[in-house]
C-alpha atoms as a PDB file:
ATOM      1  CA  MET A   1     146.673  97.068  65.676  1.00  0.00           C
ATOM      2  CA  ARG A   2     146.484 100.930  65.984  1.00  0.00           C
ATOM      3  CA  ASN A   3     147.720 100.897  69.203  1.00  0.00           C
ATOM      4  CA  VAL A   4     151.097  99.131  67.820  1.00  0.00           C
ATOM      5  CA  LEU A   5     151.240 101.464  65.157  1.00  0.00           C
ATOM      6  CA  LEU A   6     150.817 104.350  67.895  1.00  0.00           C
ATOM      7  CA  LEU A   7     153.215 102.694  70.080  1.00  0.00           C
ATOM      8  CA  LEU A   8     155.910 102.399  67.163  1.00  0.00           C
ATOM      9  CA  PHE A   9     155.450 105.937  66.428  1.00  0.00           C
ATOM     10  CA  LEU A  10     155.880 106.993  69.624  1.00  0.00           C
ATOM     11  CA  SER A  11     159.332 105.341  69.989  1.00  0.00           C
ATOM     12  CA  LEU A  12     160.819 106.413  66.603  1.00  0.00           C
ATOM     13  CA  SER A  13     159.916 110.173  67.444  1.00  0.00           C
ATOM     14  CA  ALA A  14     161.044 110.039  71.348  1.00  0.00           C
ATOM     15  CA  ALA A  15     164.943 108.103  69.932  1.00  0.00           C
ATOM     16  CA  PRO A  16     166.155 111.765  68.513  1.00  0.00           C
ATOM     17  CA  ALA A  17     165.086 113.369  71.170  1.00  0.00           C
ATOM     18  CA  TRP A  18     166.691 110.900  73.787  1.00  0.00           C
ATOM     19  CA  SER A  19     169.867 111.028  71.804  1.00  0.00           C
ATOM     20  CA  GLN A  20     170.299 115.033  71.768  1.00  0.00           C
ATOM     21  CA  THR A  21     169.113 114.658  75.587  1.00  0.00           C
ATOM     22  CA  ARG A  22     172.250 112.696  75.876  1.00  0.00           C
ATOM     23  CA  ARG A  23     174.793 114.535  73.760  1.00  0.00           C
ATOM     24  CA  ILE A  24     173.593 117.555  75.701  1.00  0.00           C
ATOM     25  CA  VAL A  25     174.616 115.934  79.364  1.00  0.00           C
ATOM     26  CA  THR A  26     177.565 114.921  77.662  1.00  0.00           C
ATOM     27  CA  TYR A  27     178.895 118.043  76.442  1.00  0.00           C
ATOM     28  CA  ILE A  28     177.919 119.562  80.347  1.00  0.00           C
ATOM     29  CA  ASP A  29     179.891 116.642  81.767  1.00  0.00           C
ATOM     30  CA  ASP A  30     182.883 117.330  79.585  1.00  0.00           C
ATOM     31  CA  VAL A  31     182.631 121.202  80.241  1.00  0.00           C
ATOM     32  CA  GLN A  32     182.266 120.922  83.763  1.00  0.00           C
ATOM     33  CA  GLU A  33     185.439 118.335  83.764  1.00  0.00           C
ATOM     34  CA  GLU A  34     187.902 121.009  82.059  1.00  0.00           C
ATOM     35  CA  ARG A  35     186.852 123.685  84.125  1.00  0.00           C
ATOM     36  CA  LYS A  36     187.617 121.962  87.201  1.00  0.00           C
ATOM     37  CA  THR A  37     190.641 120.973  86.034  1.00  0.00           C
ATOM     38  CA  THR A  38     191.663 124.529  84.656  1.00  0.00           C
ATOM     39  CA  ARG A  39     190.437 126.014  87.987  1.00  0.00           C
ATOM     40  CA  TRP A  40     192.306 128.527  89.934  1.00  0.00           C
ATOM     41  CA  THR A  41     192.100 127.491  93.652  1.00  0.00           C
ATOM     42  CA  LEU A  42     194.473 128.951  96.498  1.00  0.00           C
ATOM     43  CA  THR A  43     195.273 125.486  97.929  1.00  0.00           C
ATOM     44  CA  GLU A  44     196.197 124.602  94.525  1.00  0.00           C
ATOM     45  CA  TRP A  45     198.222 127.438  93.698  1.00  0.00           C
ATOM     46  CA  LEU A  46     200.135 126.878  97.271  1.00  0.00           C
ATOM     47  CA  ARG A  47     200.146 123.083  96.602  1.00  0.00           C
ATOM     48  CA  ILE A  48     202.026 123.648  93.323  1.00  0.00           C
ATOM     49  CA  LYS A  49     204.229 126.680  94.672  1.00  0.00           C
ATOM     50  CA  GLU A  50     205.403 124.402  97.456  1.00  0.00           C
ATOM     51  CA  ARG A  51     206.209 121.739  95.253  1.00  0.00           C
ATOM     52  CA  MET A  52     208.053 123.656  92.650  1.00  0.00           C
ATOM     53  CA  LYS A  53     209.932 125.295  95.744  1.00  0.00           C
ATOM     54  CA  MET A  54     210.704 122.122  96.713  1.00  0.00           C
ATOM     55  CA  MET A  55     212.193 121.405  93.026  1.00  0.00           C
ATOM     56  CA  ASP A  56     214.292 124.194  93.112  1.00  0.00           C
ATOM     57  CA  VAL A  57     216.104 123.399  96.320  1.00  0.00           C
ATOM     58  CA  TRP A  58     216.727 120.148  95.164  1.00  0.00           C
ATOM     59  CA  LEU A  59     218.149 121.505  92.087  1.00  0.00           C
ATOM     60  CA  ALA A  60     219.935 123.946  94.040  1.00  0.00           C
ATOM     61  CA  MET A  61     221.574 120.988  95.543  1.00  0.00           C
ATOM     62  CA  PHE A  62     223.494 120.382  92.856  1.00  0.00           C
ATOM     63  CA  SER A  63     226.048 122.055  90.425  1.00  0.00           C
ATOM     64  CA  LYS A  64     225.665 122.879  86.756  1.00  0.00           C
ATOM     65  CA  PRO A  65     228.037 121.160  84.526  1.00  0.00           C
ATOM     66  CA  GLN A  66     229.095 124.027  82.527  1.00  0.00           C
ATOM     67  CA  GLU A  67     229.909 126.463  85.306  1.00  0.00           C
ATOM     68  CA  LYS A  68     233.533 127.053  85.861  1.00  0.00           C
ATOM     69  CA  PHE A  69     236.166 126.424  88.443  1.00  0.00           C
ATOM     70  CA  ALA A  70     236.165 129.816  90.482  1.00  0.00           C
ATOM     71  CA  PRO A  71     238.695 130.165  93.487  1.00  0.00           C
ATOM     72  CA  GLU A  72     237.235 132.753  95.886  1.00  0.00           C
ATOM     73  CA  LEU A  73     239.245 134.837  98.492  1.00  0.00           C
ATOM     74  CA  SER A  74     238.372 136.781 101.290  1.00  0.00           C
ATOM     75  CA  PHE A  75     240.221 138.477 104.279  1.00  0.00           C
ATOM     76  CA  SER A  76     238.678 140.136 107.374  1.00  0.00           C
ATOM     77  CA  TYR A  77     239.692 142.356 110.389  1.00  0.00           C
ATOM     78  CA  ALA A  78     237.695 143.076 113.186  1.00  0.00           C
ATOM     79  CA  LYS A  79     238.602 145.304 116.027  1.00  0.00           C
ATOM     80  CA  SER A  80     236.490 144.995 119.266  1.00  0.00           C
ATOM     81  CA  VAL A  81     236.321 146.422 122.887  1.00  0.00           C
ATOM     82  CA  GLY A  82     234.478 145.080 125.810  1.00  0.00           C
ATOM     83  CA  THR A  83     235.080 144.147 129.071  1.00  0.00           C
ATOM     84  CA  ASN A  84     236.871 140.247 130.194  1.00  0.00           C
ATOM     85  CA  SER A  85     236.104 138.246 133.294  1.00  0.00           C
ATOM     86  CA  TYR A  86     238.832 135.650 135.111  1.00  0.00           C
ATOM     87  CA  GLU A  87     237.713 132.848 137.416  1.00  0.00           C
ATOM     88  CA  LEU A  88     239.948 131.086 139.571  1.00  0.00           C
ATOM     89  CA  GLY A  89     239.042 128.417 142.390  1.00  0.00           C
ATOM     90  CA  THR A  90     240.061 125.141 143.290  1.00  0.00           C
ATOM     91  CA  LEU A  91     238.749 121.841 141.915  1.00  0.00           C
ATOM     92  CA  ALA A  92     237.442 120.397 144.604  1.00  0.00           C
ATOM     93  CA  GLY A  93     235.338 123.752 145.630  1.00  0.00           C
ATOM     94  CA  PHE A  94     235.105 125.932 142.088  1.00  0.00           C
ATOM     95  CA  GLU A  95     231.850 127.472 143.478  1.00  0.00           C
ATOM     96  CA  THR A  96     232.215 128.131 146.787  1.00  0.00           C
ATOM     97  CA  ASP A  97     235.798 129.473 146.604  1.00  0.00           C
ATOM     98  CA  LYS A  98     236.414 130.926 142.841  1.00  0.00           C
ATOM     99  CA  LYS A  99     237.614 134.799 142.959  1.00  0.00           C
ATOM    100  CA  ARG A 100     236.696 136.936 139.861  1.00  0.00           C
ATOM    101  CA  THR A 101     238.347 139.481 138.369  1.00  0.00           C
ATOM    102  CA  MET A 102     236.993 142.045 135.392  1.00  0.00           C
ATOM    103  CA  ALA A 103     238.650 144.351 133.244  1.00  0.00           C
ATOM    104  CA  PRO A 104     238.579 146.486 130.215  1.00  0.00           C
ATOM    105  CA  ASP A 105     240.110 144.508 127.228  1.00  0.00           C
ATOM    106  CA  HIS A 106     240.544 145.182 123.301  1.00  0.00           C
ATOM    107  CA  ALA A 107     241.111 142.471 120.617  1.00  0.00           C
ATOM    108  CA  GLU A 108     241.891 142.242 117.280  1.00  0.00           C
ATOM    109  CA  ASP A 109     240.690 139.525 114.923  1.00  0.00           C
ATOM    110  CA  GLY A 110     241.838 138.277 111.467  1.00  0.00           C
ATOM    111  CA  ARG A 111     240.708 135.694 109.269  1.00  0.00           C
ATOM    112  CA  LEU A 112     241.705 134.285 105.733  1.00  0.00           C
ATOM    113  CA  GLN A 113     239.023 132.100 103.846  1.00  0.00           C
ATOM    114  CA  PHE A 114     240.027 130.062 100.233  1.00  0.00           C
ATOM    115  CA  TRP A 115     237.240 128.508  98.445  1.00  0.00           C
ATOM    116  CA  PHE A 116     237.941 126.035  95.851  1.00  0.00           C
ATOM    117  CA  THR A 117     234.531 126.551  94.309  1.00  0.00           C
ATOM    118  CA  ASN A 118     232.769 124.556  91.720  1.00  0.00           C
ATOM    119  CA  LEU A 119     236.341 122.267  91.782  1.00  0.00           C
ATOM    120  CA  VAL A 120     234.809 118.876  90.645  1.00  0.00           C
ATOM    121  CA  SER A 121     232.132 120.171  88.335  1.00  0.00           C
ATOM    122  CA  GLY A 122     234.364 122.735  87.032  1.00  0.00           C
ATOM    123  CA  THR A 123     237.160 120.662  85.928  1.00  0.00           C
ATOM    124  CA  THR A 124     235.114 117.100  84.835  1.00  0.00           C
ATOM    125  CA  GLY A 125     232.064 118.593  83.536  1.00  0.00           C
ATOM    126  CA  LEU A 126     229.841 116.518  85.949  1.00  0.00           C
ATOM    127  CA  ARG A 127     226.744 116.962  87.778  1.00  0.00           C
ATOM    128  CA  THR A 128     227.707 116.528  91.622  1.00  0.00           C
ATOM    129  CA  LEU A 129     226.307 117.938  95.116  1.00  0.00           C
ATOM    130  CA  ALA A 130     226.825 121.607  95.161  1.00  0.00           C
ATOM    131  CA  ILE A 131     229.226 121.284  97.946  1.00  0.00           C
ATOM    132  CA  ASP A 132     232.186 123.612  98.374  1.00  0.00           C
ATOM    133  CA  LEU A 133     235.843 123.088  99.949  1.00  0.00           C
ATOM    134  CA  GLY A 134     237.909 125.671 101.455  1.00  0.00           C
ATOM    135  CA  ILE A 135     240.164 126.296 104.139  1.00  0.00           C
ATOM    136  CA  GLU A 136     240.390 128.823 106.436  1.00  0.00           C
ATOM    137  CA  GLY A 137     242.792 130.571 108.902  1.00  0.00           C
ATOM    138  CA  ARG A 138     242.300 132.709 112.159  1.00  0.00           C
ATOM    139  CA  ILE A 139     244.022 134.581 114.948  1.00  0.00           C
ATOM    140  CA  HIS A 140     242.440 136.591 117.235  1.00  0.00           C
ATOM    141  CA  ASN A 141     244.372 138.704 120.143  1.00  0.00           C
ATOM    142  CA  ARG A 142     243.211 139.639 123.143  1.00  0.00           C
ATOM    143  CA  PHE A 143     244.927 142.428 124.983  1.00  0.00           C
ATOM    144  CA  VAL A 144     243.531 143.578 128.802  1.00  0.00           C
ATOM    145  CA  GLU A 145     244.723 146.923 130.383  1.00  0.00           C
ATOM    146  CA  GLY A 146     245.864 147.638 133.252  1.00  0.00           C
ATOM    147  CA  LEU A 147     247.381 143.312 133.272  1.00  0.00           C
ATOM    148  CA  PRO A 148     245.271 142.648 136.612  1.00  0.00           C
ATOM    149  CA  LEU A 149     246.414 140.312 139.189  1.00  0.00           C
ATOM    150  CA  VAL A 150     244.501 137.032 139.663  1.00  0.00           C
ATOM    151  CA  SER A 151     244.164 135.138 142.984  1.00  0.00           C
ATOM    152  CA  ASP A 152     243.862 131.759 144.107  1.00  0.00           C
ATOM    153  CA  PRO A 153     242.352 130.143 147.042  1.00  0.00           C
ATOM    154  CA  ALA A 154     245.811 129.675 148.319  1.00  0.00           C
ATOM    155  CA  ALA A 155     246.547 133.771 147.840  1.00  0.00           C
ATOM    156  CA  ALA A 156     249.237 132.879 145.210  1.00  0.00           C
ATOM    157  CA  ALA A 157     248.430 135.896 142.315  1.00  0.00           C
ATOM    158  CA  TYR A 158     248.727 135.546 138.700  1.00  0.00           C
ATOM    159  CA  LYS A 159     249.268 138.289 136.494  1.00  0.00           C
ATOM    160  CA  VAL A 160     247.066 138.489 133.327  1.00  0.00           C
ATOM    161  CA  GLY A 161     248.433 138.821 129.848  1.00  0.00           C
ATOM    162  CA  SER A 162     247.626 139.077 126.285  1.00  0.00           C
ATOM    163  CA  GLU A 163     245.806 136.219 125.230  1.00  0.00           C
ATOM    164  CA  LYS A 164     246.121 134.602 121.378  1.00  0.00           C
ATOM    165  CA  VAL A 165     244.166 131.996 119.564  1.00  0.00           C
ATOM    166  CA  GLN A 166     245.670 130.796 116.528  1.00  0.00           C
ATOM    167  CA  GLN A 167     243.787 128.232 114.306  1.00  0.00           C
ATOM    168  CA  GLY A 168     243.652 126.378 110.843  1.00  0.00           C
ATOM    169  CA  GLY A 169     240.901 124.107 109.120  1.00  0.00           C
ATOM    170  CA  LEU A 170     238.691 122.886 106.588  1.00  0.00           C
ATOM    171  CA  ASN A 171     235.056 124.506 105.956  1.00  0.00           C
ATOM    172  CA  LEU A 172     232.343 122.880 103.652  1.00  0.00           C
ATOM    173  CA  ARG A 173     229.993 125.300 102.130  1.00  0.00           C
ATOM    174  CA  LEU A 174     226.400 123.190 101.747  1.00  0.00           C
ATOM    175  CA  PHE A 175     224.579 126.000 100.930  1.00  0.00           C
ATOM    176  CA  GLY A 176     225.389 128.794  98.702  1.00  0.00           C
ATOM    177  CA  ALA A 177     226.602 129.211  95.173  1.00  0.00           C
ATOM    178  CA  ASN A 178     229.660 131.533  96.040  1.00  0.00           C
ATOM    179  CA  THR A 179     231.344 133.448  98.872  1.00  0.00           C
ATOM    180  CA  GLN A 180     228.743 136.488  98.759  1.00  0.00           C
ATOM    181  CA  ASP A 181     225.410 134.505  98.679  1.00  0.00           C
ATOM    182  CA  SER A 182     223.325 133.286 101.508  1.00  0.00           C
ATOM    183  CA  SER A 183     225.401 130.645 102.474  1.00  0.00           C
ATOM    184  CA  LEU A 184     225.589 127.963 105.302  1.00  0.00           C
ATOM    185  CA  VAL A 185     229.055 126.424 106.207  1.00  0.00           C
ATOM    186  CA  VAL A 186     230.696 123.601 108.601  1.00  0.00           C
ATOM    187  CA  LYS A 187     233.867 123.749 109.687  1.00  0.00           C
ATOM    188  CA  PHE A 188     236.635 121.716 111.460  1.00  0.00           C
ATOM    189  CA  GLY A 189     239.971 122.118 112.320  1.00  0.00           C
ATOM    190  CA  LYS A 190     243.303 122.519 114.915  1.00  0.00           C
ATOM    191  CA  TYR A 191     243.755 125.267 117.474  1.00  0.00           C
ATOM    192  CA  ASP A 192     246.204 126.623 119.860  1.00  0.00           C
ATOM    193  CA  HIS A 193     245.564 128.941 122.446  1.00  0.00           C
ATOM    194  CA  ASP A 194     247.533 130.985 124.602  1.00  0.00           C
ATOM    195  CA  THR A 195     245.780 131.398 127.622  1.00  0.00           C
ATOM    196  CA  GLY A 196     247.843 134.657 128.805  1.00  0.00           C
ATOM    197  CA  PHE A 197     248.942 134.206 132.199  1.00  0.00           C
ATOM    198  CA  VAL A 198     252.462 134.065 133.369  1.00  0.00           C
ATOM    199  CA  MET A 199     252.693 130.275 133.888  1.00  0.00           C
ATOM    200  CA  ASN A 200     252.501 130.181 130.049  1.00  0.00           C
ATOM    201  CA  ALA A 201     249.408 127.790 130.238  1.00  0.00           C
ATOM    202  CA  ARG A 202     248.669 126.430 126.871  1.00  0.00           C
ATOM    203  CA  GLN A 203     245.576 124.640 125.220  1.00  0.00           C
ATOM    204  CA  SER A 204     245.454 122.997 121.879  1.00  0.00           C
ATOM    205  CA  GLY A 205     243.409 120.328 119.999  1.00  0.00           C
ATOM    206  CA  GLN A 206     240.475 120.476 117.551  1.00  0.00           C
ATOM    207  CA  TYR A 207     237.613 122.519 116.726  1.00  0.00           C
ATOM    208  CA  PHE A 208     234.190 122.373 114.639  1.00  0.00           C
ATOM    209  CA  GLY A 209     231.853 125.320 114.339  1.00  0.00           C
ATOM    210  CA  GLY A 210     229.584 126.892 111.675  1.00  0.00           C
ATOM    211  CA  GLU A 211     228.952 130.233 109.670  1.00  0.00           C
ATOM    212  CA  MET A 212     225.643 131.149 108.446  1.00  0.00           C
ATOM    213  CA  SER A 213     225.161 134.326 106.189  1.00  0.00           C
ATOM    214  CA  LEU A 214     221.617 135.408 105.084  1.00  0.00           C
ATOM    215  CA  TYR A 215     221.057 138.411 102.786  1.00  0.00           C
ATOM    216  CA  PHE A 216     217.820 140.571 103.448  1.00  0.00           C
ATOM    217  CA  LEU A 217     218.362 142.834 100.667  1.00  0.00           C
ATOM    218  CA  SER A 218     221.239 142.651  97.786  1.00  0.00           C
ATOM    219  CA  ILE A 219     223.336 144.802 100.213  1.00  0.00           C
ATOM    220  CA  LEU A 220     221.938 144.280 103.632  1.00  0.00           C
ATOM    221  CA  GLY A 221     222.347 140.992 105.441  1.00  0.00           C
ATOM    222  CA  ALA A 222     223.481 139.457 109.047  1.00  0.00           C
ATOM    223  CA  GLU A 223     226.251 136.785 110.104  1.00  0.00           C
ATOM    224  CA  ALA A 224     227.231 134.401 112.821  1.00  0.00           C
ATOM    225  CA  ASN A 225     229.775 132.376 113.583  1.00  0.00           C
ATOM    226  CA  TYR A 226     230.281 129.697 116.167  1.00  0.00           C
ATOM    227  CA  TYR A 227     233.409 127.476 117.439  1.00  0.00           C
ATOM    228  CA  GLN A 228     233.520 124.821 119.778  1.00  0.00           C
ATOM    229  CA  TYR A 229     237.855 123.852 121.050  1.00  0.00           C
ATOM    230  CA  MET A 230     237.955 120.770 122.372  1.00  0.00           C
ATOM    231  CA  ASP A 231     240.799 119.433 124.834  1.00  0.00           C
ATOM    232  CA  GLY A 232     241.129 116.002 123.660  1.00  0.00           C
ATOM    233  CA  LYS A 233     237.375 114.778 124.727  1.00  0.00           C
ATOM    234  CA  VAL A 234     236.971 117.683 127.040  1.00  0.00           C
ATOM    235  CA  ARG A 235     235.404 121.025 125.766  1.00  0.00           C
ATOM    236  CA  ALA A 236     237.971 123.918 126.480  1.00  0.00           C
ATOM    237  CA  GLY A 237     235.983 126.830 124.957  1.00  0.00           C
ATOM    238  CA  ASP A 238     233.693 128.173 122.875  1.00  0.00           C
ATOM    239  CA  SER A 239     233.391 131.305 120.666  1.00  0.00           C
ATOM    240  CA  VAL A 240     230.415 133.183 118.936  1.00  0.00           C
ATOM    241  CA  ASP A 241     229.874 136.580 116.998  1.00  0.00           C
ATOM    242  CA  TYR A 242     226.934 137.568 114.935  1.00  0.00           C
ATOM    243  CA  LEU A 243     226.689 141.028 113.006  1.00  0.00           C
ATOM    244  CA  GLY A 244     224.472 142.994 110.754  1.00  0.00           C
ATOM    245  CA  PHE A 245     226.330 143.925 107.939  1.00  0.00           C
ATOM    246  CA  LEU A 246     226.294 146.421 105.017  1.00  0.00           C
ATOM    247  CA  GLU A 247     227.606 145.280 101.429  1.00  0.00           C
ATOM    248  CA  ILE A 248     228.878 146.853  98.453  1.00  0.00           C
ATOM    249  CA  TYR A 249     230.735 145.530  95.604  1.00  0.00           C
ATOM    250  CA  ASN A 250     233.306 143.155  96.989  1.00  0.00           C
ATOM    251  CA  ILE A 251     233.611 145.592 100.615  1.00  0.00           C
ATOM    252  CA  ARG A 252     231.220 144.377 103.190  1.00  0.00           C
ATOM    253  CA  VAL A 253     231.346 146.086 106.413  1.00  0.00           C
ATOM    254  CA  GLY A 254     229.581 145.113 109.866  1.00  0.00           C
ATOM    255  CA  TYR A 255     229.238 145.670 113.411  1.00  0.00           C
ATOM    256  CA  GLY A 256     228.270 143.325 115.985  1.00  0.00           C
ATOM    257  CA  GLU A 257     228.748 141.229 119.290  1.00  0.00           C
ATOM    258  CA  SER A 258     231.350 138.641 120.238  1.00  0.00           C
ATOM    259  CA  LEU A 259     231.576 136.356 122.907  1.00  0.00           C
ATOM    260  CA  GLN A 260     234.271 133.946 124.099  1.00  0.00           C
ATOM    261  CA  ASN A 261     234.618 131.943 126.981  1.00  0.00           C
ATOM    262  CA  TRP A 262     237.522 129.198 127.966  1.00  0.00           C
ATOM    263  CA  GLN A 263     238.661 126.878 130.495  1.00  0.00           C
ATOM    264  CA  TRP A 264     241.314 125.050 132.207  1.00  0.00           C
ATOM    265  CA  LYS A 265     243.272 123.491 134.935  1.00  0.00           C
ATOM    266  CA  ASP A 266     246.501 122.514 136.413  1.00  0.00           C
ATOM    267  CA  SER A 267     246.459 119.859 139.010  1.00  0.00           C
ATOM    268  CA  VAL A 268     245.131 122.080 142.173  1.00  0.00           C
ATOM    269  CA  ASN A 269     243.075 124.839 140.455  1.00  0.00           C
ATOM    270  CA  LEU A 270     240.099 125.574 137.531  1.00  0.00           C
ATOM    271  CA  TYR A 271     240.677 128.802 135.801  1.00  0.00           C
ATOM    272  CA  LYS A 272     237.738 130.178 133.486  1.00  0.00           C
ATOM    273  CA  THR A 273     237.584 133.279 131.044  1.00  0.00           C
ATOM    274  CA  HIS A 274     234.806 135.071 130.073  1.00  0.00           C
ATOM    275  CA  GLU A 275     235.025 137.736 126.681  1.00  0.00           C
ATOM    276  CA  ASN A 276     232.263 139.946 125.903  1.00  0.00           C
ATOM    277  CA  ASP A 277     233.161 142.460 123.250  1.00  0.00           C
ATOM    278  CA  ARG A 278     231.502 144.862 120.453  1.00  0.00           C
ATOM    279  CA  PHE A 279     233.295 145.215 117.088  1.00  0.00           C
ATOM    280  CA  LEU A 280     233.485 146.670 113.634  1.00  0.00           C
ATOM    281  CA  MET A 281     234.630 144.474 110.891  1.00  0.00           C
ATOM    282  CA  LEU A 282     235.898 145.055 106.935  1.00  0.00           C
ATOM    283  CA  ARG A 283     236.002 142.125 104.802  1.00  0.00           C
ATOM    284  CA  LEU A 284     237.399 142.190 101.438  1.00  0.00           C
ATOM    285  CA  TYR A 285     236.335 139.860  98.837  1.00  0.00           C
ATOM    286  CA  PHE A 286     238.523 138.927  95.812  1.00  0.00           C
END
């Protein structure tokens, strides 16, 4: 009987201690769980930062309904100097019998762009993909100094004159809120190319290309443009220019390099031209 009473006493005295111990363990678990969930770690910070960046990119892909229709206009003019080379050879053996002539040149380039920024969202109030529609016109004139003669393998001489490229088409701005923002643009349209040779060789067809503008600082950045010209299903030429720019208010001044290549043929010969110039550009935004 005495042993039973002793066991009962020990049980009753141990119950509060066990309950207190369990409460302490539970409290410790709760505190640790809370601290774990609120703990700052570099890995978690990078994960959240990347997720927020993706959310910002996703939101930037859509226009804001409260934004108004804001048409934009820009005009640029560039003056360049450099060299132009000419290659002329037969279709059958161009690489072995081609003749090459080089001459200094200078060129002028004018471009006009008009953007229908926020056209759909600004007029309908709908949230749409932030892709803006624009139109572009461009004229590129190259003047060769000295009017050199280019001879073909049959000893016929061709005088080289001024070369002109005229083009116009549509632009789609896939990234960028306005024309003075870091942006990515795709382009397509039609062109006409006067080669400048006395036999009045001309080309025309479709072109496609792209433009990228990137601001490093609010007034300092870089820009690049690319065009590929097609004559039917055949590649007729390409043009690329890249520049660094300084922009103050609505004026952009840039300096860069331009490269332009063309080729065409007749029933006998293949003709190629290569232009490499340095240019200074002025652009106005409205």
